[in-house]
Amino acid sequence: MAGSEPLNRRDFLRFGRRRDAHRLDLSGEQLFMKFVDARENDTVAEFLARLEADLQSIEELRLTGIEWLRREDLGARMGPVLSAFRARGGKVTFE
C-alpha cells in the first residue's frame, strides 16, 4: 500500500493494523501468506482461532487486496469467520 504508515511488528504478528480501538485494517495478501504458512505447518485451526480472537475486540474490519480472498482455499475458510463476525454485529468493508 503506497503511502501508508509502516506496519509495526506487533500488528504484523496480530494480522493487521489497528487504526483505533474499534477498527482493524487487514491485507488480503498478508492474510493469504499466513494461511499458506499455517497450511504447510498443519496449524490452520490455530491460525483461524487467532484470527477470530483478534476480531472479538473490534467493531469494523477493513480488508484490502480482496482478490486474495477470492482464492477457493482461503475463501472457504474465511467465509465462516466473516459470517460469525457479522453475526456479532461487526462491519466488514472491502477495498
Protein backbone atom coordinates (compact mmCIF):
# COMPACT_ATOMS: atom_id res chain seq x y z
CA MET A 1 0.00 0.00 0.00
CA ALA A 2 1.81 3.05 -1.25
CA GLY A 3 1.89 5.99 1.09
CA SER A 4 0.59 4.06 4.06
CA GLU A 5 2.04 4.05 7.54
CA PRO A 6 4.63 1.36 8.26
CA LEU A 7 3.25 -1.81 9.78
CA ASN A 8 4.65 -2.32 13.24
CA ARG A 9 5.86 -5.74 14.35
CA ARG A 10 3.06 -6.32 16.87
CA ASP A 11 0.42 -5.51 14.27
CA PHE A 12 2.05 -7.84 11.75
CA LEU A 13 2.03 -10.71 14.22
CA ARG A 14 -1.61 -9.97 15.05
CA PHE A 15 -2.70 -9.99 11.38
CA GLY A 16 -3.30 -6.30 10.72
CA ARG A 17 -3.06 -2.70 11.73
CA ARG A 18 -5.38 -1.02 14.19
CA ARG A 19 -6.40 2.49 13.24
CA ASP A 20 -8.19 2.84 16.57
CA ALA A 21 -9.61 0.56 19.26
CA HIS A 22 -12.59 -0.35 17.09
CA ARG A 23 -11.20 -0.95 13.59
CA LEU A 24 -8.69 -3.37 12.11
CA ASP A 25 -7.16 -2.96 8.64
CA LEU A 26 -6.13 -6.30 7.16
CA SER A 27 -4.33 -7.06 3.91
CA GLY A 28 -5.73 -9.99 1.95
CA GLU A 29 -2.23 -10.74 0.69
CA GLN A 30 -0.77 -10.92 4.20
CA LEU A 31 -3.71 -13.00 5.34
CA PHE A 32 -3.17 -15.40 2.45
CA MET A 33 0.56 -15.72 3.16
CA LYS A 34 -0.15 -16.51 6.82
CA PHE A 35 -2.78 -19.03 5.71
CA VAL A 36 -0.29 -20.76 3.39
CA ASP A 37 2.26 -20.95 6.22
CA ALA A 38 -0.37 -22.38 8.55
CA ARG A 39 -1.46 -24.93 5.97
CA GLU A 40 2.12 -26.06 5.43
CA ASN A 41 2.69 -26.33 9.19
CA ASP A 42 -0.66 -28.07 9.75
CA THR A 43 -1.78 -25.22 12.06
CA VAL A 44 -4.79 -23.89 10.15
CA ALA A 45 -7.11 -24.40 13.14
CA GLU A 46 -4.78 -22.34 15.33
CA PHE A 47 -4.46 -19.68 12.64
CA LEU A 48 -8.24 -19.32 12.37
CA ALA A 49 -8.66 -19.30 16.16
CA ARG A 50 -6.10 -16.48 16.45
CA LEU A 51 -7.85 -14.50 13.75
CA GLU A 52 -11.23 -14.97 15.42
CA ALA A 53 -9.73 -13.87 18.75
CA ASP A 54 -8.41 -10.68 17.12
CA LEU A 55 -11.85 -9.98 15.67
CA GLN A 56 -13.51 -10.28 19.09
CA SER A 57 -12.20 -6.90 20.21
CA ILE A 58 -13.13 -4.81 17.16
CA GLU A 59 -16.29 -3.49 15.54
CA GLU A 60 -15.06 -2.89 11.99
CA LEU A 61 -12.78 -4.92 9.73
CA ARG A 62 -11.41 -3.32 6.57
CA LEU A 63 -9.99 -5.84 4.10
CA THR A 64 -7.71 -4.65 1.30
CA GLY A 65 -6.44 -6.70 -1.61
CA ILE A 66 -9.61 -8.76 -1.70
CA GLU A 67 -8.52 -10.65 -4.80
CA TRP A 68 -6.54 -12.87 -2.41
CA LEU A 69 -9.75 -13.77 -0.58
CA ARG A 70 -11.30 -14.98 -3.83
CA ARG A 71 -8.95 -17.95 -3.82
CA GLU A 72 -11.06 -21.00 -3.13
CA ASP A 73 -8.80 -22.40 -0.42
CA LEU A 74 -8.70 -19.21 1.66
CA GLY A 75 -12.20 -18.05 0.80
CA ALA A 76 -13.75 -21.28 2.05
CA ARG A 77 -12.06 -20.80 5.43
CA MET A 78 -12.70 -17.07 5.72
CA GLY A 79 -16.42 -17.25 4.89
CA PRO A 80 -17.45 -18.70 8.28
CA VAL A 81 -15.07 -16.38 10.17
CA LEU A 82 -16.52 -13.28 8.50
CA SER A 83 -20.09 -14.56 8.91
CA ALA A 84 -19.54 -15.06 12.65
CA PHE A 85 -18.01 -11.58 12.92
CA ARG A 86 -21.01 -10.03 11.16
CA ALA A 87 -23.44 -12.04 13.29
CA ARG A 88 -21.87 -10.40 16.38
CA GLY A 89 -22.62 -7.01 14.84
CA GLY A 90 -19.25 -6.44 13.16
CA LYS A 91 -18.98 -4.46 9.95
CA VAL A 92 -16.77 -5.68 7.08
CA THR A 93 -15.66 -3.40 4.27
CA PHE A 94 -13.69 -4.48 1.21
CA GLU A 95 -11.28 -2.32 -0.78
